[in-house]
């Protein structure tokens, strides 16, 4: 349930990514609002990542979006759609502003000292979309919030591991420097791995540990489908299954996403269905759930 970098297929939107969001499982009355939210997130993400503008120009454009939201200006079609959706469904503006914070951060921060720093980023880059979706369904509360945040942050971390080489070429590294240092590595080790087109054994060991943490977050949110309406529950199970499938693919490559970037295709559908069923059973009997998955 997270935008952009956390990886979803946004039906009716221009970008292909990993997991199904805003599919036919979502009630028709909510689908335009969800698509508007994702279009807004992708538009802001593209400002941060695409084109030839320098960092100062990108920051200025993102801040102009922030000013427009605060002033309720609707001259841009993407802003008009998302603000109209927010009005129609009584959604707060704060999650939209949090997303902009994260995209601005991508232009000013390129390294993270530890997991705590990465999770703080996820709280702005991913978790707000989960909040907005649950608010649309009328199920955002203190019971659903921890599970939603765990899923969103977990998916964000999965995407970071999936895209280590892509992000490095953009000048960003989303592996905790602390984890690299504990393995006797630093950012130069990632640069060398990307240059030669494959990970070292030591770097793959770090990636494996971070993948385990991401999976723990996904497992921590496994009971969320049982707390929401059936159609959203089915969507969530597909999203969770997709996240686990990517991690399985990563494990199958011996944790080398540089040589073999894990991704999903239509041939994964049967496996995803089986995995979704298994995850449902696990959530019902309480297995595979860590006690404190957000503790870095």
C-alpha atoms as a PDB file:
ATOM      1  CA  UNK A   1       0.000   0.000   0.000  1.00  0.00           C
ATOM      2  CA  UNK A   2       2.825   2.336  -0.677  1.00  0.00           C
ATOM      3  CA  UNK A   3       3.635   4.509  -3.661  1.00  0.00           C
ATOM      4  CA  UNK A   4       6.317   4.664  -6.192  1.00  0.00           C
ATOM      5  CA  UNK A   5       9.524   3.237  -4.768  1.00  0.00           C
ATOM      6  CA  UNK A   6       7.732   0.555  -2.761  1.00  0.00           C
ATOM      7  CA  UNK A   7       6.498  -1.059  -5.973  1.00  0.00           C
ATOM      8  CA  UNK A   8       2.928  -1.576  -7.159  1.00  0.00           C
ATOM      9  CA  UNK A   9       0.991  -1.975 -10.365  1.00  0.00           C
ATOM     10  CA  UNK A  10      -1.203   1.117 -10.423  1.00  0.00           C
ATOM     11  CA  UNK A  11      -4.072   0.187 -12.707  1.00  0.00           C
ATOM     12  CA  UNK A  12      -5.057   3.054 -14.947  1.00  0.00           C
ATOM     13  CA  UNK A  13      -1.832   4.922 -14.199  1.00  0.00           C
ATOM     14  CA  UNK A  14       1.246   5.171 -16.367  1.00  0.00           C
ATOM     15  CA  UNK A  15       3.834   3.238 -14.350  1.00  0.00           C
ATOM     16  CA  UNK A  16       4.383  -0.506 -14.111  1.00  0.00           C
ATOM     17  CA  UNK A  17       5.659  -1.828 -10.798  1.00  0.00           C
ATOM     18  CA  UNK A  18       5.295  -4.962  -8.706  1.00  0.00           C
ATOM     19  CA  UNK A  19       2.034  -5.343  -6.828  1.00  0.00           C
ATOM     20  CA  UNK A  20      -1.656  -4.754  -7.681  1.00  0.00           C
ATOM     21  CA  UNK A  21      -3.232  -1.606  -6.284  1.00  0.00           C
ATOM     22  CA  UNK A  22      -6.558   0.028  -7.166  1.00  0.00           C
ATOM     23  CA  UNK A  23      -7.611  -3.140  -8.965  1.00  0.00           C
ATOM     24  CA  UNK A  24     -11.176  -4.275  -9.638  1.00  0.00           C
ATOM     25  CA  UNK A  25     -11.253  -5.603  -6.082  1.00  0.00           C
ATOM     26  CA  UNK A  26     -11.549  -2.006  -4.874  1.00  0.00           C
ATOM     27  CA  UNK A  27     -15.147  -0.680  -4.872  1.00  0.00           C
ATOM     28  CA  UNK A  28     -15.833   1.557  -7.843  1.00  0.00           C
ATOM     29  CA  UNK A  29     -16.755   4.498  -5.606  1.00  0.00           C
ATOM     30  CA  UNK A  30     -13.248   4.482  -4.074  1.00  0.00           C
ATOM     31  CA  UNK A  31     -11.183   3.650  -7.142  1.00  0.00           C
ATOM     32  CA  UNK A  32     -10.900   7.221  -8.498  1.00  0.00           C
ATOM     33  CA  UNK A  33      -9.693   8.502  -5.133  1.00  0.00           C
ATOM     34  CA  UNK A  34      -7.049   5.776  -4.833  1.00  0.00           C
ATOM     35  CA  UNK A  35      -5.841   6.424  -8.365  1.00  0.00           C
ATOM     36  CA  UNK A  36      -5.710  10.175  -7.639  1.00  0.00           C
ATOM     37  CA  UNK A  37      -3.537   9.537  -4.561  1.00  0.00           C
ATOM     38  CA  UNK A  38      -1.159   7.311  -6.501  1.00  0.00           C
ATOM     39  CA  UNK A  39      -0.979   9.754  -9.393  1.00  0.00           C
ATOM     40  CA  UNK A  40      -0.067  12.501  -6.953  1.00  0.00           C
ATOM     41  CA  UNK A  41       2.628  10.315  -5.359  1.00  0.00           C
ATOM     42  CA  UNK A  42       4.054   9.308  -8.735  1.00  0.00           C
ATOM     43  CA  UNK A  43       3.988  12.889 -10.003  1.00  0.00           C
ATOM     44  CA  UNK A  44       5.952  14.077  -6.972  1.00  0.00           C
ATOM     45  CA  UNK A  45       8.344  11.118  -7.210  1.00  0.00           C
ATOM     46  CA  UNK A  46       8.976  11.849 -10.876  1.00  0.00           C
ATOM     47  CA  UNK A  47       9.839  15.434  -9.988  1.00  0.00           C
ATOM     48  CA  UNK A  48      12.478  14.073  -7.608  1.00  0.00           C
ATOM     49  CA  UNK A  49      13.827  11.401  -9.982  1.00  0.00           C
ATOM     50  CA  UNK A  50      13.095  12.017 -13.656  1.00  0.00           C
ATOM     51  CA  UNK A  51      14.310  14.520 -16.230  1.00  0.00           C
ATOM     52  CA  UNK A  52      17.404  16.726 -16.355  1.00  0.00           C
ATOM     53  CA  UNK A  53      16.610  19.394 -13.757  1.00  0.00           C
ATOM     54  CA  UNK A  54      19.174  19.977 -11.018  1.00  0.00           C
ATOM     55  CA  UNK A  55      18.453  19.352  -7.326  1.00  0.00           C
ATOM     56  CA  UNK A  56      17.618  22.995  -6.612  1.00  0.00           C
ATOM     57  CA  UNK A  57      15.010  23.080  -9.380  1.00  0.00           C
ATOM     58  CA  UNK A  58      13.497  19.805  -8.191  1.00  0.00           C
ATOM     59  CA  UNK A  59      13.282  21.045  -4.596  1.00  0.00           C
ATOM     60  CA  UNK A  60      11.651  24.261  -5.756  1.00  0.00           C
ATOM     61  CA  UNK A  61       9.034  22.345  -7.738  1.00  0.00           C
ATOM     62  CA  UNK A  62       8.247  20.030  -4.825  1.00  0.00           C
ATOM     63  CA  UNK A  63       7.925  23.004  -2.490  1.00  0.00           C
ATOM     64  CA  UNK A  64       5.580  24.668  -4.942  1.00  0.00           C
ATOM     65  CA  UNK A  65       3.380  21.568  -4.705  1.00  0.00           C
ATOM     66  CA  UNK A  66       3.449  21.866  -0.914  1.00  0.00           C
ATOM     67  CA  UNK A  67       2.471  25.553  -1.113  1.00  0.00           C
ATOM     68  CA  UNK A  68      -0.365  24.703  -3.505  1.00  0.00           C
ATOM     69  CA  UNK A  69      -1.766  22.067  -1.119  1.00  0.00           C
ATOM     70  CA  UNK A  70      -1.559  24.419   1.848  1.00  0.00           C
ATOM     71  CA  UNK A  71      -3.216  27.194  -0.171  1.00  0.00           C
ATOM     72  CA  UNK A  72      -5.739  24.771  -1.716  1.00  0.00           C
ATOM     73  CA  UNK A  73      -4.718  25.772  -5.239  1.00  0.00           C
ATOM     74  CA  UNK A  74      -5.998  23.369  -7.881  1.00  0.00           C
ATOM     75  CA  UNK A  75      -4.561  24.680 -11.126  1.00  0.00           C
ATOM     76  CA  UNK A  76      -2.505  21.510 -11.736  1.00  0.00           C
ATOM     77  CA  UNK A  77      -4.664  18.528 -12.829  1.00  0.00           C
ATOM     78  CA  UNK A  78      -2.903  16.060 -10.502  1.00  0.00           C
ATOM     79  CA  UNK A  79      -3.403  18.376  -7.535  1.00  0.00           C
ATOM     80  CA  UNK A  80      -7.002  19.043  -8.499  1.00  0.00           C
ATOM     81  CA  UNK A  81      -7.776  15.321  -8.591  1.00  0.00           C
ATOM     82  CA  UNK A  82      -6.165  14.510  -5.253  1.00  0.00           C
ATOM     83  CA  UNK A  83      -7.602  17.533  -3.437  1.00  0.00           C
ATOM     84  CA  UNK A  84     -11.080  16.826  -4.798  1.00  0.00           C
ATOM     85  CA  UNK A  85     -10.707  13.224  -3.600  1.00  0.00           C
ATOM     86  CA  UNK A  86      -9.564  14.445  -0.190  1.00  0.00           C
ATOM     87  CA  UNK A  87     -12.594  16.718   0.073  1.00  0.00           C
ATOM     88  CA  UNK A  88     -15.019  14.035  -1.084  1.00  0.00           C
ATOM     89  CA  UNK A  89     -13.741  11.486   1.448  1.00  0.00           C
ATOM     90  CA  UNK A  90     -12.703  13.843   4.269  1.00  0.00           C
ATOM     91  CA  UNK A  91      -9.040  12.904   4.039  1.00  0.00           C
ATOM     92  CA  UNK A  92      -6.452  14.962   5.912  1.00  0.00           C
ATOM     93  CA  UNK A  93      -3.756  16.848   3.991  1.00  0.00           C
ATOM     94  CA  UNK A  94      -0.945  15.751   6.347  1.00  0.00           C
ATOM     95  CA  UNK A  95      -0.234  12.399   4.615  1.00  0.00           C
ATOM     96  CA  UNK A  96       0.132  14.185   1.269  1.00  0.00           C
ATOM     97  CA  UNK A  97       2.563  16.646   2.824  1.00  0.00           C
ATOM     98  CA  UNK A  98       4.493  13.779   4.418  1.00  0.00           C
ATOM     99  CA  UNK A  99       4.993  12.234   0.978  1.00  0.00           C
ATOM    100  CA  UNK A 100       6.408  15.514  -0.278  1.00  0.00           C
ATOM    101  CA  UNK A 101       8.766  15.583   2.717  1.00  0.00           C
ATOM    102  CA  UNK A 102      10.098  12.183   1.681  1.00  0.00           C
ATOM    103  CA  UNK A 103      10.636  13.159  -1.943  1.00  0.00           C
ATOM    104  CA  UNK A 104      12.447  16.305  -0.824  1.00  0.00           C
ATOM    105  CA  UNK A 105      14.586  14.138   1.445  1.00  0.00           C
ATOM    106  CA  UNK A 106      15.626  12.051  -1.552  1.00  0.00           C
ATOM    107  CA  UNK A 107      17.218  15.197  -2.952  1.00  0.00           C
ATOM    108  CA  UNK A 108      19.139  16.064   0.200  1.00  0.00           C
ATOM    109  CA  UNK A 109      19.948  12.731   1.892  1.00  0.00           C
ATOM    110  CA  UNK A 110      21.726   9.911   0.059  1.00  0.00           C
ATOM    111  CA  UNK A 111      22.965   7.737   2.950  1.00  0.00           C
ATOM    112  CA  UNK A 112      21.330   6.326   6.091  1.00  0.00           C
ATOM    113  CA  UNK A 113      23.395   5.492   9.171  1.00  0.00           C
ATOM    114  CA  UNK A 114      21.101   2.778  10.524  1.00  0.00           C
ATOM    115  CA  UNK A 115      17.703   1.103  10.275  1.00  0.00           C
ATOM    116  CA  UNK A 116      16.144   3.755  12.483  1.00  0.00           C
ATOM    117  CA  UNK A 117      16.950   6.362   9.842  1.00  0.00           C
ATOM    118  CA  UNK A 118      15.513   4.205   7.083  1.00  0.00           C
ATOM    119  CA  UNK A 119      12.325   3.555   9.046  1.00  0.00           C
ATOM    120  CA  UNK A 120      11.949   7.286   9.695  1.00  0.00           C
ATOM    121  CA  UNK A 121      12.123   7.798   5.938  1.00  0.00           C
ATOM    122  CA  UNK A 122       9.555   5.030   5.366  1.00  0.00           C
ATOM    123  CA  UNK A 123       7.177   6.761   7.786  1.00  0.00           C
ATOM    124  CA  UNK A 124       7.002   9.629   5.297  1.00  0.00           C
ATOM    125  CA  UNK A 125       7.582   7.890   1.960  1.00  0.00           C
ATOM    126  CA  UNK A 126       5.356   4.819   2.338  1.00  0.00           C
ATOM    127  CA  UNK A 127       3.188   4.707   5.452  1.00  0.00           C
ATOM    128  CA  UNK A 128       1.052   7.764   4.535  1.00  0.00           C
ATOM    129  CA  UNK A 129      -0.429   5.953   1.526  1.00  0.00           C
ATOM    130  CA  UNK A 130      -1.504   3.053   3.707  1.00  0.00           C
ATOM    131  CA  UNK A 131      -3.165   5.555   6.016  1.00  0.00           C
ATOM    132  CA  UNK A 132      -5.016   7.222   3.155  1.00  0.00           C
ATOM    133  CA  UNK A 133      -6.255   3.903   1.743  1.00  0.00           C
ATOM    134  CA  UNK A 134      -7.497   2.713   5.134  1.00  0.00           C
ATOM    135  CA  UNK A 135      -9.169   6.070   5.740  1.00  0.00           C
ATOM    136  CA  UNK A 136     -10.976   5.706   2.428  1.00  0.00           C
ATOM    137  CA  UNK A 137     -12.313   2.339   3.594  1.00  0.00           C
ATOM    138  CA  UNK A 138     -13.208   3.749   7.023  1.00  0.00           C
ATOM    139  CA  UNK A 139     -10.779   1.440   8.834  1.00  0.00           C
ATOM    140  CA  UNK A 140      -7.927   3.696   9.960  1.00  0.00           C
ATOM    141  CA  UNK A 141      -7.622   3.381  13.734  1.00  0.00           C
ATOM    142  CA  UNK A 142      -5.205   2.437  16.502  1.00  0.00           C
ATOM    143  CA  UNK A 143      -5.803  -1.251  15.787  1.00  0.00           C
ATOM    144  CA  UNK A 144      -5.046  -1.157  12.061  1.00  0.00           C
ATOM    145  CA  UNK A 145      -2.344   1.508  12.099  1.00  0.00           C
ATOM    146  CA  UNK A 146       0.603  -0.622  13.357  1.00  0.00           C
ATOM    147  CA  UNK A 147      -0.070  -3.398  10.838  1.00  0.00           C
ATOM    148  CA  UNK A 148      -0.518  -0.937   7.972  1.00  0.00           C
ATOM    149  CA  UNK A 149       2.705   0.859   8.846  1.00  0.00           C
ATOM    150  CA  UNK A 150       4.570  -2.458   9.072  1.00  0.00           C
ATOM    151  CA  UNK A 151       3.358  -3.566   5.637  1.00  0.00           C
ATOM    152  CA  UNK A 152       4.124  -0.228   3.993  1.00  0.00           C
ATOM    153  CA  UNK A 153       7.582   0.052   5.525  1.00  0.00           C
ATOM    154  CA  UNK A 154       8.307  -3.582   4.744  1.00  0.00           C
ATOM    155  CA  UNK A 155       7.382  -3.140   1.089  1.00  0.00           C
ATOM    156  CA  UNK A 156       9.510  -0.005   0.919  1.00  0.00           C
ATOM    157  CA  UNK A 157      12.517  -1.910   2.265  1.00  0.00           C
ATOM    158  CA  UNK A 158      11.876  -4.756  -0.189  1.00  0.00           C
ATOM    159  CA  UNK A 159      12.024  -2.243  -3.015  1.00  0.00           C
ATOM    160  CA  UNK A 160      15.263  -0.763  -1.694  1.00  0.00           C
ATOM    161  CA  UNK A 161      16.873  -4.218  -1.739  1.00  0.00           C
ATOM    162  CA  UNK A 162      15.447  -4.928  -5.185  1.00  0.00           C
ATOM    163  CA  UNK A 163      16.840  -1.684  -6.591  1.00  0.00           C
ATOM    164  CA  UNK A 164      20.273  -1.394  -4.972  1.00  0.00           C
ATOM    165  CA  UNK A 165      22.023  -0.975  -8.334  1.00  0.00           C
ATOM    166  CA  UNK A 166      19.401   1.411  -9.737  1.00  0.00           C
ATOM    167  CA  UNK A 167      19.499   3.598  -6.640  1.00  0.00           C
ATOM    168  CA  UNK A 168      23.299   3.577  -6.526  1.00  0.00           C
ATOM    169  CA  UNK A 169      23.427   4.926 -10.081  1.00  0.00           C
ATOM    170  CA  UNK A 170      21.128   7.729  -8.894  1.00  0.00           C
ATOM    171  CA  UNK A 171      23.598   8.512  -6.136  1.00  0.00           C
ATOM    172  CA  UNK A 172      21.566   6.919  -3.328  1.00  0.00           C
ATOM    173  CA  UNK A 173      22.166   4.037  -0.958  1.00  0.00           C
ATOM    174  CA  UNK A 174      19.394   2.600   1.188  1.00  0.00           C
ATOM    175  CA  UNK A 175      21.448  -0.051   2.991  1.00  0.00           C
ATOM    176  CA  UNK A 176      22.223   1.003   6.589  1.00  0.00           C
ATOM    177  CA  UNK A 177      25.848   2.106   6.829  1.00  0.00           C
ATOM    178  CA  UNK A 178      25.960   0.511  10.277  1.00  0.00           C
ATOM    179  CA  UNK A 179      25.083  -2.891   8.790  1.00  0.00           C
ATOM    180  CA  UNK A 180      27.788  -2.503   6.153  1.00  0.00           C
ATOM    181  CA  UNK A 181      30.345  -1.495   8.771  1.00  0.00           C
ATOM    182  CA  UNK A 182      29.485  -4.522  10.910  1.00  0.00           C
ATOM    183  CA  UNK A 183      30.418  -6.679   7.903  1.00  0.00           C
ATOM    184  CA  UNK A 184      33.666  -4.765   7.341  1.00  0.00           C
ATOM    185  CA  UNK A 185      32.229  -2.910   4.349  1.00  0.00           C
ATOM    186  CA  UNK A 186      31.367   0.631   3.375  1.00  0.00           C
ATOM    187  CA  UNK A 187      29.664   2.422   0.492  1.00  0.00           C
ATOM    188  CA  UNK A 188      32.708   1.784  -1.714  1.00  0.00           C
ATOM    189  CA  UNK A 189      31.923  -1.933  -1.530  1.00  0.00           C
ATOM    190  CA  UNK A 190      28.516  -1.246  -3.060  1.00  0.00           C
ATOM    191  CA  UNK A 191      30.126   0.893  -5.761  1.00  0.00           C
ATOM    192  CA  UNK A 192      32.538  -1.943  -6.603  1.00  0.00           C
ATOM    193  CA  UNK A 193      29.704  -4.500  -6.720  1.00  0.00           C
ATOM    194  CA  UNK A 194      27.622  -2.358  -9.075  1.00  0.00           C
ATOM    195  CA  UNK A 195      30.663  -1.724 -11.273  1.00  0.00           C
ATOM    196  CA  UNK A 196      31.392  -5.433 -11.688  1.00  0.00           C
ATOM    197  CA  UNK A 197      27.718  -6.363 -11.989  1.00  0.00           C
ATOM    198  CA  UNK A 198      27.461  -8.727  -9.006  1.00  0.00           C
ATOM    199  CA  UNK A 199      27.525  -8.653  -5.246  1.00  0.00           C
ATOM    200  CA  UNK A 200      30.342  -9.893  -3.056  1.00  0.00           C
ATOM    201  CA  UNK A 201      29.704 -12.644  -0.529  1.00  0.00           C
ATOM    202  CA  UNK A 202      30.003 -10.152   2.330  1.00  0.00           C
ATOM    203  CA  UNK A 203      27.605  -7.691   0.721  1.00  0.00           C
ATOM    204  CA  UNK A 204      25.103 -10.462  -0.006  1.00  0.00           C
ATOM    205  CA  UNK A 205      25.234 -11.401   3.681  1.00  0.00           C
ATOM    206  CA  UNK A 206      24.235  -7.824   4.601  1.00  0.00           C
ATOM    207  CA  UNK A 207      21.443  -7.893   2.023  1.00  0.00           C
ATOM    208  CA  UNK A 208      20.207 -11.211   3.424  1.00  0.00           C
ATOM    209  CA  UNK A 209      20.003  -9.750   6.935  1.00  0.00           C
ATOM    210  CA  UNK A 210      18.093  -6.690   5.728  1.00  0.00           C
ATOM    211  CA  UNK A 211      15.781  -8.918   3.682  1.00  0.00           C
ATOM    212  CA  UNK A 212      15.005 -10.857   6.852  1.00  0.00           C
ATOM    213  CA  UNK A 213      14.084  -7.623   8.594  1.00  0.00           C
ATOM    214  CA  UNK A 214      11.841  -6.576   5.694  1.00  0.00           C
ATOM    215  CA  UNK A 215      10.111  -9.962   5.780  1.00  0.00           C
ATOM    216  CA  UNK A 216       9.581  -9.614   9.531  1.00  0.00           C
ATOM    217  CA  UNK A 217       7.761  -6.337   8.899  1.00  0.00           C
ATOM    218  CA  UNK A 218       5.517  -7.952   6.301  1.00  0.00           C
ATOM    219  CA  UNK A 219       4.738 -10.752   8.737  1.00  0.00           C
ATOM    220  CA  UNK A 220       3.976  -8.202  11.445  1.00  0.00           C
ATOM    221  CA  UNK A 221       1.225  -6.781   9.256  1.00  0.00           C
ATOM    222  CA  UNK A 222      -0.195 -10.165   8.273  1.00  0.00           C
ATOM    223  CA  UNK A 223      -3.311  -9.802  10.424  1.00  0.00           C
ATOM    224  CA  UNK A 224      -4.412  -6.561   8.742  1.00  0.00           C
ATOM    225  CA  UNK A 225      -6.543  -8.341   6.078  1.00  0.00           C
ATOM    226  CA  UNK A 226      -8.639  -9.869   8.869  1.00  0.00           C
ATOM    227  CA  UNK A 227      -9.467  -6.364  10.144  1.00  0.00           C
ATOM    228  CA  UNK A 228     -10.723  -4.802   6.896  1.00  0.00           C
ATOM    229  CA  UNK A 229     -13.555  -5.430   4.391  1.00  0.00           C
ATOM    230  CA  UNK A 230     -13.261  -8.533   2.226  1.00  0.00           C
ATOM    231  CA  UNK A 231     -12.346  -6.814  -1.035  1.00  0.00           C
ATOM    232  CA  UNK A 232      -9.566  -4.808   0.567  1.00  0.00           C
ATOM    233  CA  UNK A 233      -8.474  -7.931   2.432  1.00  0.00           C
ATOM    234  CA  UNK A 234      -8.048  -9.803  -0.853  1.00  0.00           C
ATOM    235  CA  UNK A 235      -6.052  -6.895  -2.264  1.00  0.00           C
ATOM    236  CA  UNK A 236      -3.832  -6.803   0.819  1.00  0.00           C
ATOM    237  CA  UNK A 237      -3.176 -10.526   0.676  1.00  0.00           C
ATOM    238  CA  UNK A 238      -2.067 -10.154  -2.942  1.00  0.00           C
ATOM    239  CA  UNK A 239       0.220  -7.263  -1.967  1.00  0.00           C
ATOM    240  CA  UNK A 240       1.729  -9.234   0.910  1.00  0.00           C
ATOM    241  CA  UNK A 241       2.182 -12.286  -1.282  1.00  0.00           C
ATOM    242  CA  UNK A 242       3.970 -10.151  -3.863  1.00  0.00           C
ATOM    243  CA  UNK A 243       6.351  -8.778  -1.247  1.00  0.00           C
ATOM    244  CA  UNK A 244       7.171 -12.259   0.038  1.00  0.00           C
ATOM    245  CA  UNK A 245       7.593 -13.534  -3.515  1.00  0.00           C
ATOM    246  CA  UNK A 246      10.156 -10.839  -4.281  1.00  0.00           C
ATOM    247  CA  UNK A 247      12.050 -11.791  -1.115  1.00  0.00           C
ATOM    248  CA  UNK A 248      11.908 -15.445  -2.160  1.00  0.00           C
ATOM    249  CA  UNK A 249      13.350 -14.496  -5.537  1.00  0.00           C
ATOM    250  CA  UNK A 250      16.063 -12.524  -3.789  1.00  0.00           C
ATOM    251  CA  UNK A 251      16.930 -15.554  -1.677  1.00  0.00           C
ATOM    252  CA  UNK A 252      16.983 -17.686  -4.832  1.00  0.00           C
ATOM    253  CA  UNK A 253      19.658 -15.400  -6.281  1.00  0.00           C
ATOM    254  CA  UNK A 254      21.739 -15.866  -3.109  1.00  0.00           C
ATOM    255  CA  UNK A 255      20.883 -12.305  -2.210  1.00  0.00           C
ATOM    256  CA  UNK A 256      22.473 -10.732  -5.261  1.00  0.00           C
ATOM    257  CA  UNK A 257      19.974  -8.227  -6.709  1.00  0.00           C
ATOM    258  CA  UNK A 258      22.805  -6.567  -8.633  1.00  0.00           C
ATOM    259  CA  UNK A 259      23.384  -9.586 -10.878  1.00  0.00           C
ATOM    260  CA  UNK A 260      19.749 -10.717 -10.820  1.00  0.00           C
ATOM    261  CA  UNK A 261      17.168  -8.079  -9.904  1.00  0.00           C
ATOM    262  CA  UNK A 262      14.087  -9.906  -8.565  1.00  0.00           C
ATOM    263  CA  UNK A 263      10.795  -9.035 -10.228  1.00  0.00           C
ATOM    264  CA  UNK A 264       7.335 -10.441 -10.766  1.00  0.00           C
ATOM    265  CA  UNK A 265       5.514 -11.406 -13.950  1.00  0.00           C
ATOM    266  CA  UNK A 266       2.298 -13.109 -14.990  1.00  0.00           C
ATOM    267  CA  UNK A 267       3.904 -16.533 -14.514  1.00  0.00           C
ATOM    268  CA  UNK A 268       4.038 -15.784 -10.783  1.00  0.00           C
ATOM    269  CA  UNK A 269       0.245 -15.687 -10.492  1.00  0.00           C
ATOM    270  CA  UNK A 270      -0.285 -19.331  -9.374  1.00  0.00           C
ATOM    271  CA  UNK A 271       2.502 -19.077  -6.824  1.00  0.00           C
ATOM    272  CA  UNK A 272       1.151 -15.780  -5.518  1.00  0.00           C
ATOM    273  CA  UNK A 273      -2.297 -17.280  -5.024  1.00  0.00           C
ATOM    274  CA  UNK A 274      -0.846 -20.221  -3.109  1.00  0.00           C
ATOM    275  CA  UNK A 275       1.333 -17.884  -1.051  1.00  0.00           C
ATOM    276  CA  UNK A 276      -1.637 -15.627  -0.263  1.00  0.00           C
ATOM    277  CA  UNK A 277      -3.551 -18.630   1.040  1.00  0.00           C
ATOM    278  CA  UNK A 278      -0.593 -19.722   3.144  1.00  0.00           C
ATOM    279  CA  UNK A 279      -0.175 -16.216   4.557  1.00  0.00           C
ATOM    280  CA  UNK A 280      -3.855 -16.146   5.470  1.00  0.00           C
ATOM    281  CA  UNK A 281      -3.465 -19.384   7.407  1.00  0.00           C
ATOM    282  CA  UNK A 282      -0.335 -18.070   9.135  1.00  0.00           C
ATOM    283  CA  UNK A 283      -2.122 -14.855  10.174  1.00  0.00           C
ATOM    284  CA  UNK A 284      -5.015 -16.868  11.555  1.00  0.00           C
ATOM    285  CA  UNK A 285      -2.824 -19.103  13.749  1.00  0.00           C
ATOM    286  CA  UNK A 286      -0.407 -16.335  14.727  1.00  0.00           C
ATOM    287  CA  UNK A 287       2.747 -17.880  13.244  1.00  0.00           C
ATOM    288  CA  UNK A 288       5.610 -16.045  11.542  1.00  0.00           C
ATOM    289  CA  UNK A 289       5.007 -12.886  13.519  1.00  0.00           C
ATOM    290  CA  UNK A 290       7.979 -11.165  15.199  1.00  0.00           C
ATOM    291  CA  UNK A 291       7.568  -9.626  18.618  1.00  0.00           C
ATOM    292  CA  UNK A 292       9.086  -6.238  17.797  1.00  0.00           C
ATOM    293  CA  UNK A 293       9.765  -5.887  14.075  1.00  0.00           C
ATOM    294  CA  UNK A 294      10.253  -2.118  14.160  1.00  0.00           C
ATOM    295  CA  UNK A 295      13.114  -2.300  16.642  1.00  0.00           C
ATOM    296  CA  UNK A 296      16.207  -1.527  14.591  1.00  0.00           C
END
